[in-house]
Protein backbone atom coordinates (compact mmCIF):
# COMPACT_ATOMS: atom_id res chain seq x y z
CA MET A 1 -181.56 -32.04 48.54
CA ALA A 2 -180.83 -28.77 45.52
CA THR A 3 -179.05 -30.93 43.71
CA SER A 4 -181.38 -33.97 43.22
CA VAL A 5 -183.82 -30.58 41.84
CA ASP A 6 -181.48 -29.48 39.55
CA ASN A 7 -180.76 -32.67 37.86
CA THR A 8 -184.93 -33.44 37.98
CA TYR A 9 -184.55 -29.32 36.13
CA LYS A 10 -181.33 -30.14 34.05
CA GLU A 11 -183.16 -33.69 32.66
CA SER A 12 -187.30 -32.12 31.92
CA HIS A 13 -185.04 -29.41 30.26
CA LEU A 14 -183.26 -31.83 27.74
CA SER A 15 -186.36 -33.46 27.47
CA LEU A 16 -188.00 -30.51 26.18
CA LYS A 17 -184.97 -29.79 23.95
CA LYS A 18 -185.54 -33.41 22.97
CA ARG A 19 -189.12 -32.89 22.19
CA LEU A 20 -189.00 -29.36 20.49
CA LYS A 21 -186.25 -30.77 17.91
CA LYS A 22 -188.66 -33.59 17.06
CA LYS A 23 -191.30 -31.56 16.29
CA LEU A 24 -189.21 -29.32 14.16
CA MET A 25 -187.50 -32.00 12.17
CA HIS A 26 -190.87 -33.33 11.56
CA LEU A 27 -191.87 -30.44 10.49
CA LEU A 28 -188.68 -30.15 8.23
CA ARG A 29 -189.88 -33.29 7.05
CA LEU A 30 -186.23 -34.49 7.97
CA THR A 31 -184.39 -37.28 9.41
CA GLU A 32 -181.54 -38.59 11.77
CA GLU A 33 -181.38 -41.94 11.30
CA PRO A 34 -178.45 -42.65 8.85
CA VAL A 35 -179.46 -43.01 5.23
CA VAL A 36 -177.74 -44.18 2.49
CA ARG A 37 -178.81 -42.58 -1.30
CA VAL A 38 -177.24 -44.93 -4.00
CA TYR A 39 -177.61 -42.90 -7.83
CA ASN A 40 -178.14 -45.06 -10.44
CA GLY A 41 -174.52 -46.27 -12.00
CA TYR A 42 -172.82 -47.26 -15.50
CA GLY A 43 -170.52 -49.80 -17.01
CA HIS A 44 -169.76 -52.47 -19.53
CA LYS A 45 -169.46 -56.26 -19.21
CA GLY A 46 -165.36 -56.20 -18.08
CA LYS A 47 -166.19 -53.04 -15.48
CA LEU A 48 -168.98 -51.17 -13.24
CA MET A 49 -169.28 -48.43 -11.42
CA LEU A 50 -171.71 -47.33 -8.70
CA PHE A 51 -172.13 -43.90 -6.32
CA GLY A 52 -173.91 -42.61 -3.93
CA HIS A 53 -173.47 -41.09 -0.10
CA VAL A 54 -174.37 -41.74 3.31
CA LEU A 55 -176.14 -38.82 5.72
CA LYS A 56 -176.59 -39.14 8.98
CA LEU A 57 -178.86 -35.89 8.78
CA SER A 58 -181.40 -35.93 5.23
CA PRO A 59 -184.71 -34.24 3.97
CA LEU A 60 -187.82 -37.35 3.29
CA PRO A 61 -188.38 -37.23 0.03
CA ARG A 62 -191.25 -34.97 -1.72
CA LYS A 63 -194.36 -36.49 -1.47
CA ARG A 64 -196.66 -33.80 -3.55
CA TYR A 65 -195.91 -30.64 -5.80
CA ARG A 66 -197.89 -27.22 -5.53
CA SER A 67 -197.89 -23.99 -6.68
CA ASN A 68 -197.25 -22.39 -3.43
CA THR A 69 -193.97 -20.03 -3.48
CA LEU A 70 -193.21 -20.66 0.09
CA ILE A 71 -193.58 -24.22 0.11
CA ASN A 72 -191.09 -24.78 -3.10
CA MET A 73 -188.24 -22.18 -0.81
CA LEU A 74 -188.94 -24.58 1.98
CA ALA A 75 -188.18 -27.66 -0.19
CA LEU A 76 -185.47 -26.64 -2.36
CA LEU A 77 -183.50 -25.68 1.43
CA ARG A 78 -184.52 -28.92 3.00
CA LEU A 79 -182.66 -30.94 0.47
CA PHE A 80 -179.53 -28.55 1.79
CA MET A 81 -180.04 -29.68 4.96
CA VAL A 82 -177.71 -33.08 5.30
CA ARG A 83 -174.97 -33.52 7.40
CA PRO A 84 -172.94 -36.27 5.82
CA LEU A 85 -170.78 -39.59 7.18
CA ALA A 86 -167.27 -39.46 6.84
CA ASN A 87 -165.32 -42.46 7.09
CA ALA A 88 -168.28 -44.61 7.28
CA THR A 89 -167.82 -48.81 5.62
CA VAL A 90 -170.51 -49.87 3.13
CA GLN A 91 -170.64 -52.75 1.32
CA LEU A 92 -171.87 -53.09 -1.88
CA GLU A 93 -174.13 -56.51 -2.49
CA TRP A 94 -174.39 -57.25 -6.31
CA ASN A 95 -175.23 -60.40 -9.06
CA GLY A 96 -174.00 -62.14 -6.05
CA GLN A 97 -171.05 -60.45 -5.21
CA THR A 98 -169.84 -58.22 -2.73
CA CYS A 99 -167.12 -55.87 -2.32
CA LEU A 100 -166.06 -52.66 0.63
CA THR A 101 -165.11 -49.92 0.58
CA HIS A 102 -165.92 -46.38 3.05
CA THR A 103 -166.99 -42.42 2.07
CA GLU A 104 -164.86 -39.48 1.98
CA SER A 105 -165.10 -36.65 4.22
CA ASP A 106 -168.29 -35.24 2.71
CA GLY A 107 -169.98 -38.81 1.99
CA PHE A 108 -169.57 -39.80 -0.99
CA PHE A 109 -168.79 -43.41 -1.98
CA ARG A 110 -167.77 -44.90 -4.96
CA PHE A 111 -167.34 -48.13 -5.93
CA GLU A 112 -165.51 -49.30 -9.46
CA TRP A 113 -165.15 -53.18 -10.28
CA ASN A 114 -164.82 -56.40 -12.26
CA PRO A 115 -168.10 -58.39 -12.43
CA VAL A 116 -167.01 -62.16 -12.16
CA ASN A 117 -169.81 -63.52 -12.80
CA PRO A 118 -170.97 -62.80 -16.82
CA VAL A 119 -173.13 -59.60 -17.13
CA THR A 120 -175.80 -59.07 -19.18
CA THR A 121 -177.11 -54.85 -21.02
CA GLY A 122 -180.07 -53.82 -19.63
CA TRP A 123 -180.65 -51.97 -15.72
CA HIS A 124 -179.27 -54.44 -12.89
CA ASP A 125 -180.53 -54.23 -9.45
CA ALA A 126 -177.99 -53.12 -6.70
CA LYS A 127 -177.95 -52.56 -2.98
CA VAL A 128 -175.29 -51.00 -0.45
CA HIS A 129 -175.32 -51.35 3.47
CA LEU A 130 -174.09 -49.12 5.64
CA LEU A 131 -172.12 -51.32 8.31
CA ALA A 132 -171.54 -51.07 11.33
CA GLN A 133 -168.02 -52.52 12.15
CA SER A 134 -167.41 -54.26 15.34
CA THR A 135 -165.24 -56.62 16.56
CA GLN A 136 -167.41 -59.88 16.34
CA GLN A 137 -169.75 -58.90 13.57
CA GLN A 138 -171.14 -56.58 10.70
CA ASN A 139 -174.11 -55.19 11.89
CA ILE A 140 -176.53 -53.70 8.68
CA LEU A 141 -177.39 -49.67 9.78
CA ALA A 142 -179.18 -48.85 6.78
CA THR A 143 -179.34 -49.62 2.90
CA GLY A 144 -179.75 -48.32 0.02
CA GLN A 145 -181.29 -49.27 -3.76
CA GLY A 146 -179.68 -48.19 -7.33
CA GLN A 147 -179.43 -50.03 -10.58
CA VAL A 148 -176.44 -50.27 -12.58
CA PHE A 149 -176.36 -49.05 -16.67
CA ILE A 150 -175.38 -51.77 -19.29
CA PRO A 151 -175.80 -49.69 -22.40
CA HIS A 152 -176.33 -51.76 -26.05
CA VAL A 153 -173.41 -51.43 -27.98
CA HIS A 154 -174.50 -48.49 -30.30
CA GLN A 155 -173.18 -46.48 -32.78
CA TYR A 156 -173.69 -43.37 -30.67
CA ALA A 157 -174.33 -42.47 -26.82
CA CYS A 158 -175.01 -39.04 -25.82
CA ILE A 159 -173.80 -36.53 -23.34
CA SER A 160 -175.34 -33.45 -22.13
CA ASP A 161 -175.05 -30.38 -19.84
CA ILE A 162 -178.21 -29.89 -17.64
CA ASP A 163 -178.61 -26.33 -16.70
CA ASP A 164 -179.80 -24.07 -19.89
CA THR A 165 -179.47 -26.72 -21.97
CA PHE A 166 -182.38 -28.40 -21.26
CA LEU A 167 -183.48 -27.47 -17.76
CA ILE A 168 -184.04 -23.07 -18.12
CA SER A 169 -181.78 -21.66 -15.20
CA HIS A 170 -180.79 -19.19 -15.97
CA SER A 171 -177.00 -20.22 -15.27
CA SER A 172 -175.14 -17.04 -15.79
CA ASN A 173 -177.06 -14.94 -13.42
CA LEU A 174 -177.11 -15.67 -10.06
CA ARG A 175 -179.93 -13.65 -8.82
CA LYS A 176 -182.20 -15.72 -10.95
CA ARG A 177 -180.46 -18.76 -11.07
CA LEU A 178 -181.24 -18.31 -7.05
CA LEU A 179 -184.78 -16.87 -7.83
CA VAL A 180 -186.16 -19.94 -9.87
CA LEU A 181 -184.64 -22.50 -7.92
CA PHE A 182 -186.74 -20.61 -4.65
CA THR A 183 -189.86 -20.67 -6.91
CA LYS A 184 -190.30 -23.26 -8.56
CA ASN A 185 -190.23 -26.72 -8.31
CA ALA A 186 -189.58 -30.33 -10.71
CA HIS A 187 -193.17 -29.89 -11.88
CA SER A 188 -193.62 -26.41 -12.25
CA ARG A 189 -189.87 -25.66 -13.89
CA LYS A 190 -189.83 -25.88 -17.78
CA PRO A 191 -187.85 -27.08 -20.80
CA PHE A 192 -186.85 -25.50 -23.65
CA GLU A 193 -189.47 -25.38 -26.33
CA GLY A 194 -188.20 -28.58 -28.93
CA VAL A 195 -185.88 -29.43 -26.25
CA VAL A 196 -187.50 -32.97 -25.56
CA LYS A 197 -188.49 -33.71 -29.23
CA HIS A 198 -184.96 -33.25 -30.30
CA TYR A 199 -183.22 -35.14 -27.52
CA GLN A 200 -185.59 -38.22 -27.96
CA LEU A 201 -184.79 -38.23 -31.60
CA LEU A 202 -181.05 -38.76 -30.87
CA ALA A 203 -181.89 -41.58 -28.76
CA LYS A 204 -183.72 -43.28 -31.98
CA ALA A 205 -180.76 -41.90 -34.11
CA GLY A 206 -179.03 -45.28 -35.42
CA ALA A 207 -179.86 -47.73 -32.67
CA THR A 208 -182.05 -50.73 -32.17
CA VAL A 209 -185.48 -50.64 -31.93
CA ASP A 210 -185.40 -52.41 -27.76
CA ALA A 211 -182.95 -50.25 -27.18
CA ASP A 212 -182.41 -46.72 -27.32
CA ASN A 213 -178.73 -44.51 -27.11
CA PRO A 214 -177.19 -44.61 -24.03
CA PHE A 215 -177.75 -40.99 -22.85
CA PHE A 216 -175.38 -39.50 -19.24
CA TYR A 217 -176.54 -36.52 -17.82
CA VAL A 218 -172.87 -34.41 -16.81
CA SER A 219 -173.28 -31.29 -14.55
CA SER A 220 -172.08 -28.97 -12.06
CA SER A 221 -174.93 -29.07 -10.42
CA GLU A 222 -174.89 -31.11 -6.70
CA TRP A 223 -175.71 -33.95 -5.76
CA ASN A 224 -178.73 -32.13 -3.54
CA LEU A 225 -180.73 -31.72 -6.65
CA TYR A 226 -180.24 -35.97 -7.86
CA TYR A 227 -184.15 -36.49 -7.19
CA TYR A 228 -185.14 -33.18 -8.07
CA ILE A 229 -183.65 -33.38 -11.89
CA LYS A 230 -184.67 -36.75 -12.19
CA ASP A 231 -188.62 -36.09 -11.06
CA PHE A 232 -188.19 -32.78 -13.98
CA SER A 233 -186.76 -34.91 -16.50
CA LYS A 234 -189.36 -38.03 -16.04
CA LYS A 235 -192.57 -35.18 -16.04
CA ASN A 236 -191.07 -34.35 -19.07
CA GLU A 237 -190.31 -37.20 -20.86
CA LEU A 238 -186.48 -36.87 -21.40
CA PRO A 239 -184.64 -39.91 -21.94
CA ASP A 240 -183.64 -42.37 -18.91
CA GLY A 241 -179.86 -42.40 -18.77
CA ILE A 242 -177.14 -41.57 -15.84
CA TYR A 243 -176.75 -38.28 -14.18
CA LEU A 244 -173.70 -37.54 -13.17
CA LEU A 245 -173.29 -34.36 -10.94
CA SER A 246 -170.78 -32.40 -8.57
CA GLN A 247 -169.66 -32.42 -4.84
CA ILE A 248 -172.68 -32.28 -2.30
CA LYS A 249 -173.90 -28.48 -0.57
CA ARG A 250 -174.45 -27.86 2.90
CA LEU A 251 -176.75 -24.95 4.31
CA LYS A 252 -174.79 -22.35 4.33
CA GLU A 253 -173.52 -23.57 0.61
CA VAL A 254 -176.96 -22.95 -1.25
CA TRP A 255 -176.33 -19.49 -3.02
CA LYS A 256 -173.32 -21.12 -4.23
CA THR A 257 -175.66 -23.74 -5.93
CA GLY A 258 -174.33 -24.25 -9.30
CA SER A 259 -171.01 -22.83 -9.06
CA ASN A 260 -168.35 -26.07 -8.64
CA LYS A 261 -165.17 -26.97 -10.18
CA HIS A 262 -165.52 -27.06 -14.34
CA ALA A 263 -162.59 -29.20 -14.11
CA THR A 264 -164.36 -32.55 -12.04
CA LYS A 265 -166.89 -32.04 -15.23
CA PHE A 266 -164.11 -32.66 -17.70
CA MET A 267 -162.90 -35.92 -15.83
CA ARG A 268 -166.37 -36.90 -15.66
CA ILE A 269 -166.70 -37.13 -19.57
CA ALA A 270 -163.75 -38.16 -19.98
CA ARG A 271 -164.19 -41.63 -18.42
CA ILE A 272 -168.09 -42.10 -20.02
CA ILE A 273 -165.58 -42.06 -23.13
CA GLU A 274 -163.28 -44.23 -21.93
CA SER A 275 -165.76 -46.70 -20.97
CA TYR A 276 -167.20 -47.23 -24.78
CA PRO A 277 -164.45 -47.12 -27.12
CA GLU A 278 -166.80 -48.67 -29.98
CA GLN A 279 -168.63 -45.87 -29.89
CA LYS A 280 -169.13 -42.14 -31.23
CA PHE A 281 -170.46 -39.31 -28.81
CA ILE A 282 -173.27 -36.13 -28.89
CA LEU A 283 -172.32 -33.54 -26.39
CA LEU A 284 -174.69 -31.20 -25.66
CA GLY A 285 -174.35 -27.98 -24.15
CA ASP A 286 -175.18 -24.24 -23.74
CA ASP A 287 -172.45 -21.38 -23.59
CA SER A 288 -173.58 -20.05 -20.24
CA GLN A 289 -170.35 -21.53 -17.89
CA GLU A 290 -167.70 -23.65 -19.33
CA ASP A 291 -169.43 -26.14 -21.74
CA PRO A 292 -167.64 -24.86 -25.56
CA ASN A 293 -164.29 -25.02 -23.24
CA ILE A 294 -165.00 -27.94 -22.22
CA TYR A 295 -166.08 -29.97 -25.59
CA SER A 296 -163.20 -28.49 -27.20
CA ALA A 297 -160.78 -29.82 -24.66
CA ILE A 298 -162.50 -33.32 -24.83
CA ALA A 299 -162.87 -33.54 -29.10
CA GLU A 300 -158.57 -32.89 -28.94
CA HIS A 301 -158.21 -35.77 -26.34
CA PHE A 302 -160.06 -38.16 -27.99
CA PRO A 303 -159.48 -37.57 -31.84
CA GLY A 304 -162.46 -39.37 -33.66
CA LYS A 305 -164.77 -40.24 -31.20
CA ILE A 306 -166.90 -36.74 -30.93
CA GLN A 307 -169.33 -37.21 -33.94
CA CYS A 308 -170.92 -33.69 -33.55
CA ILE A 309 -171.30 -30.86 -30.65
CA TYR A 310 -174.65 -28.78 -29.97
CA LEU A 311 -173.93 -25.88 -27.82
CA ARG A 312 -177.18 -23.94 -26.50
CA ARG A 313 -177.47 -19.96 -27.21
CA VAL A 314 -178.14 -18.36 -24.17
CA TYR A 315 -175.70 -15.56 -23.05
CA LYS A 316 -175.79 -13.21 -25.32
CA LYS A 317 -171.72 -12.20 -24.02
CA LYS A 318 -170.20 -14.98 -25.38
CA GLU A 319 -171.53 -15.45 -28.68
CA GLU A 320 -167.84 -14.14 -30.57
CA PHE A 321 -165.93 -16.36 -28.41
CA VAL A 322 -167.77 -19.71 -28.84
CA LYS A 323 -167.76 -18.82 -32.99
CA LYS A 324 -164.65 -18.86 -32.67
CA THR A 325 -164.23 -22.15 -31.11
CA ILE A 326 -166.98 -23.77 -33.32
CA GLN A 327 -164.39 -22.67 -36.35
CA LYS A 328 -161.42 -24.47 -34.53
CA LEU A 329 -163.99 -27.66 -33.96
CA GLU A 330 -165.43 -27.35 -37.22
CA GLU A 331 -161.88 -27.52 -39.20
CA GLY A 332 -160.72 -30.25 -36.81
CA LYS A 333 -164.12 -32.53 -39.14
CA ILE A 334 -166.61 -31.90 -35.89
CA PRO A 335 -169.64 -30.70 -36.91
CA CYS A 336 -171.25 -28.39 -34.77
CA CYS A 337 -174.58 -26.53 -34.58
CA TYR A 338 -174.49 -23.24 -32.04
CA PHE A 339 -178.64 -22.71 -31.89
CA ALA A 340 -181.13 -20.85 -29.98
CA HIS A 341 -183.88 -22.35 -30.84
CA SER A 342 -183.72 -26.47 -30.23
CA SER A 343 -185.69 -26.93 -33.94
CA GLU A 344 -182.33 -25.34 -35.29
CA ALA A 345 -180.88 -28.07 -34.09
CA VAL A 346 -182.70 -31.27 -35.31
CA LEU A 347 -182.74 -29.43 -38.54
CA HIS A 348 -178.98 -29.62 -38.14
CA SER A 349 -179.26 -33.56 -36.81
CA LYS A 350 -181.44 -33.88 -39.95
CA GLU A 351 -179.09 -32.51 -42.70
CA ILE A 352 -176.20 -34.26 -40.69
CA GLY A 353 -177.90 -37.92 -41.19
CA LEU A 354 -178.41 -38.35 -37.98
CA ILE A 355 -181.42 -38.54 -37.58
CA ALA A 356 -183.68 -39.57 -40.54
CA THR A 357 -187.10 -37.66 -39.66
CA LEU A 358 -188.43 -34.65 -38.29
């Protein structure tokens, strides 16, 4: 009799825990259903790349943006409430072609494939399925959708950093960086004055009327912030493009946001440049972290491929070092602009014949 009562109590206790957990998940707008996040990929007619994550705990998309510090703080924390699914089998479905791969320990997956059928320039839809392996068949547990971008072969392509290059972030000051992250949202954050105009002009530099120059946004910010950054860019009318971010972080690591290894940033930029041998590249960054070093190394590694370099001046302690780096780059015949205001960058672009209008 006692055993029966004990079992009833345990079942009731477990049921209560499940109900409380379900309510908490609902309040935090989290899901424990498997989710396949697919980030926009890129490539050319001979090779394509697509990236993403598989998560077994993740936040649901934000529905509304309000100027409420507490809500913004919770919304930011939610982006780091993730639990990756490691070693999961995922299947790419693209233009009548399929291929398989497995997720890494942090849930990240990458597809690199050679297209069998002819492809055209522009954006192409892609699907990625999470498969449940069995001895008889492969069942689809979840599906994510993204796009693969194949640029027109223009004279230029642009590679830009994000934090403190066009998005005011205070990357060199952890307290200020966390303050703006926690108290603002993707719609209340601000770009630097004049930067959107400069980017829009660069998108048209030497391009045809029907297609802009491609933009690649490469950052040390985590994949947790992918949709946050995309929402910010869309609201502020920055050129559409491909976003390549850094390793996803868990909630306990949120205070380390933006402090990823910068060596991987060099490799991501190098991979882009190698993908488009017919184009020259415009590099845009700032002096708050490692952009001057990375861009200098890129210019040395890819002689003749860098059209010009723009570095925003936001960290006074680095000014002398950056000026010496720029002097070396200019000695190598690469035009550079180290500026405090985007109007200076626009003027420089006009002076070197990159853009025709102010």
